[in-house]
Amino acid sequence: MRFKSVRKVEKLNKRKVIIHSIIQFALTLFLIYSSFFIIGVPIEFIVPYLIVFGVSLYLANKYSDKTLRFYKNSNGIIFVDLGWFSNLCYILATVTRLVIISLGIILRLGLLEKTGMDAELTFFFFGEAMSIFLLVTIIFDFLLIYGKAVLAGMHRRMLIHYKLILSGKEVKEETK
């Protein structure tokens, strides 16, 4: 059995990286906002969220050189291979958040009761449905923050390497 590696190799330019970073940051702020004001996570969790973001960003910035690969073609265009880890972080952060938002909307709007399902029977093995749901939301928020901080750290390292390659201080051999 053969497995193919999923790689995202893309043309690198400063504007594209900055725009992608801004979009990711705005999306993260919206999702965290939804945790506090739609789902009902206590506002005190902003401090642990910020700590996790800061530590993850620092570690990703420090160690992302091991996963980033840069290439230069014969036309001088610089490409970056983000590696499998960035794809994993992105997928993990996005999918878990979509699941949490969907469950939150179902519970907050009472869609289970409107469709004839009993929420207590659905979550009978968890105990109190909303308290367990808040706990799961907080755990998935930490995964979201971790994933987005890792991507932000990688983007910062990409810009640093991009500037070094353009200035000639970091040499990349041309590939075909």
Protein backbone atom coordinates (compact mmCIF):
# COMPACT_ATOMS: atom_id res chain seq x y z
CA MET A 1 0.00 0.00 0.00
CA ARG A 2 1.36 3.42 -0.96
CA PHE A 3 0.55 6.70 0.71
CA LYS A 4 0.97 10.00 -1.04
CA SER A 5 2.11 12.97 0.94
CA VAL A 6 -0.16 16.00 0.80
CA ARG A 7 1.94 19.07 0.18
CA LYS A 8 0.95 22.60 -0.49
CA VAL A 9 3.59 24.25 -2.61
CA GLU A 10 2.68 27.79 -3.53
CA LYS A 11 4.21 30.79 -5.16
CA LEU A 12 5.49 33.11 -2.47
CA ASN A 13 5.11 36.86 -2.39
CA LYS A 14 4.87 39.30 0.47
CA ARG A 15 1.42 40.65 -0.33
CA LYS A 16 -0.13 37.20 -0.51
CA VAL A 17 1.31 36.12 2.85
CA ILE A 18 0.18 39.31 4.59
CA ILE A 19 -3.36 39.10 3.17
CA HIS A 20 -3.62 35.43 4.16
CA SER A 21 -2.40 36.26 7.67
CA ILE A 22 -4.94 39.08 8.07
CA ILE A 23 -7.76 36.81 6.92
CA GLN A 24 -6.68 34.09 9.37
CA PHE A 25 -6.46 36.64 12.21
CA ALA A 26 -9.92 38.05 11.46
CA LEU A 27 -11.42 34.57 11.24
CA THR A 28 -9.84 33.62 14.56
CA LEU A 29 -11.18 36.76 16.25
CA PHE A 30 -14.66 36.04 14.94
CA LEU A 31 -14.57 32.44 16.13
CA ILE A 32 -13.30 33.40 19.58
CA TYR A 33 -15.95 36.14 19.75
CA SER A 34 -18.57 33.51 18.96
CA SER A 35 -17.27 31.36 21.82
CA PHE A 36 -17.73 34.14 24.34
CA PHE A 37 -20.95 35.76 23.15
CA ILE A 38 -22.84 33.03 21.28
CA ILE A 39 -21.88 29.83 23.07
CA GLY A 40 -21.28 31.38 26.49
CA VAL A 41 -17.68 30.64 27.46
CA PRO A 42 -16.80 32.73 30.56
CA ILE A 43 -14.83 35.88 29.68
CA GLU A 44 -12.12 34.90 32.18
CA PHE A 45 -10.82 32.40 29.63
CA ILE A 46 -9.38 35.25 27.57
CA VAL A 47 -6.20 35.14 29.68
CA PRO A 48 -5.43 31.41 29.09
CA TYR A 49 -6.33 31.87 25.41
CA LEU A 50 -3.82 34.70 25.09
CA ILE A 51 -1.15 32.68 26.90
CA VAL A 52 -1.66 29.66 24.62
CA PHE A 53 -1.57 31.92 21.56
CA GLY A 54 1.63 33.64 22.69
CA VAL A 55 3.46 30.43 23.58
CA SER A 56 2.34 28.67 20.38
CA LEU A 57 3.32 31.66 18.24
CA TYR A 58 6.75 31.84 19.86
CA LEU A 59 7.40 28.10 19.41
CA ALA A 60 6.13 28.08 15.83
CA ASN A 61 8.27 31.08 14.98
CA LYS A 62 11.30 29.44 16.55
CA TYR A 63 10.95 25.94 15.10
CA SER A 64 9.06 26.35 11.82
CA ASP A 65 12.29 26.44 9.80
CA LYS A 66 12.32 22.65 10.11
CA THR A 67 9.08 22.29 8.15
CA LEU A 68 9.38 25.11 5.60
CA ARG A 69 11.13 24.35 2.31
CA PHE A 70 11.91 27.06 -0.23
CA TYR A 71 12.50 26.60 -3.94
CA LYS A 72 13.44 28.94 -6.73
CA ASN A 73 12.68 28.23 -10.39
CA SER A 74 14.66 29.33 -13.43
CA ASN A 75 12.56 32.51 -13.74
CA GLY A 76 13.53 33.60 -10.22
CA ILE A 77 10.09 32.91 -8.72
CA ILE A 78 10.26 31.70 -5.12
CA PHE A 79 8.04 28.85 -3.97
CA VAL A 80 7.44 27.58 -0.46
CA ASP A 81 6.44 24.11 0.68
CA LEU A 82 4.60 24.42 3.97
CA GLY A 83 4.80 20.74 4.78
CA TRP A 84 2.22 18.40 6.21
CA PHE A 85 2.21 19.97 9.68
CA SER A 86 0.67 23.24 8.52
CA ASN A 87 -2.06 21.37 6.66
CA LEU A 88 -2.78 19.30 9.76
CA CYS A 89 -3.00 22.42 11.98
CA TYR A 90 -5.27 24.20 9.53
CA ILE A 91 -7.61 21.24 9.10
CA LEU A 92 -7.70 20.50 12.83
CA ALA A 93 -8.48 24.09 13.77
CA THR A 94 -11.13 24.60 11.11
CA VAL A 95 -13.00 21.30 11.37
CA THR A 96 -13.19 21.29 15.16
CA ARG A 97 -14.48 24.83 15.14
CA LEU A 98 -17.16 24.08 12.56
CA VAL A 99 -18.38 21.17 14.66
CA ILE A 100 -18.52 23.30 17.82
CA ILE A 101 -20.36 26.16 16.11
CA SER A 102 -22.86 23.72 14.61
CA LEU A 103 -23.54 22.06 17.96
CA GLY A 104 -23.76 25.45 19.64
CA ILE A 105 -26.37 26.68 17.19
CA ILE A 106 -28.35 23.45 17.61
CA LEU A 107 -28.34 23.74 21.41
CA ARG A 108 -28.87 27.53 21.62
CA LEU A 109 -31.74 27.63 19.14
CA GLY A 110 -33.35 24.53 20.63
CA LEU A 111 -33.40 22.72 17.31
CA LEU A 112 -33.32 19.33 19.04
CA GLU A 113 -36.58 20.07 20.84
CA LYS A 114 -38.17 21.54 17.71
CA THR A 115 -37.42 18.34 15.78
CA GLY A 116 -38.86 16.20 18.57
CA MET A 117 -35.55 14.98 20.00
CA ASP A 118 -34.88 15.24 23.71
CA ALA A 119 -31.56 16.97 24.44
CA GLU A 120 -31.23 15.15 27.77
CA LEU A 121 -31.54 11.77 26.06
CA THR A 122 -29.12 12.81 23.35
CA PHE A 123 -26.46 13.84 25.87
CA PHE A 124 -27.52 11.45 28.67
CA PHE A 125 -24.03 10.04 29.21
CA PHE A 126 -22.53 13.52 29.61
CA GLY A 127 -24.74 14.79 32.41
CA GLU A 128 -25.69 18.44 32.05
CA ALA A 129 -25.61 19.11 28.31
CA MET A 130 -24.60 22.79 28.31
CA SER A 131 -21.83 22.49 30.93
CA ILE A 132 -20.20 19.62 29.04
CA PHE A 133 -20.69 21.50 25.80
CA LEU A 134 -18.90 24.55 27.27
CA LEU A 135 -16.01 22.34 28.39
CA VAL A 136 -15.71 20.79 24.93
CA THR A 137 -15.88 24.27 23.37
CA ILE A 138 -13.03 25.49 25.56
CA ILE A 139 -10.88 22.48 24.64
CA PHE A 140 -11.56 23.00 20.93
CA ASP A 141 -10.90 26.73 21.31
CA PHE A 142 -7.44 25.87 22.59
CA LEU A 143 -6.91 23.65 19.52
CA LEU A 144 -8.12 26.48 17.27
CA ILE A 145 -5.82 29.01 18.91
CA TYR A 146 -2.89 26.61 18.72
CA GLY A 147 -3.50 25.92 15.02
CA LYS A 148 -3.88 29.58 14.10
CA ALA A 149 -0.80 30.60 16.12
CA VAL A 150 1.29 27.93 14.39
CA LEU A 151 0.17 29.22 10.99
CA ALA A 152 0.93 32.81 12.03
CA GLY A 153 4.43 31.80 13.18
CA MET A 154 5.05 30.00 9.90
CA HIS A 155 3.89 33.03 7.93
CA ARG A 156 6.31 35.25 9.83
CA ARG A 157 9.20 32.87 9.10
CA MET A 158 8.16 32.72 5.43
CA LEU A 159 8.42 36.51 5.17
CA ILE A 160 11.83 36.51 6.86
CA HIS A 161 13.19 33.87 4.49
CA TYR A 162 11.56 35.56 1.50
CA LYS A 163 13.38 38.82 2.29
CA LEU A 164 16.67 36.96 2.77
CA ILE A 165 16.30 35.12 -0.54
CA LEU A 166 15.42 38.33 -2.40
CA SER A 167 18.39 40.16 -0.90
CA GLY A 168 20.75 37.31 -1.77
CA LYS A 169 21.71 36.56 1.84
CA GLU A 170 20.08 33.14 1.60
CA VAL A 171 20.82 31.23 -1.56
CA LYS A 172 18.41 28.69 -2.99
CA GLU A 173 19.46 26.62 -5.95
CA GLU A 174 17.17 26.77 -8.92
CA THR A 175 14.91 23.77 -9.52
CA LYS A 176 13.29 22.74 -12.74
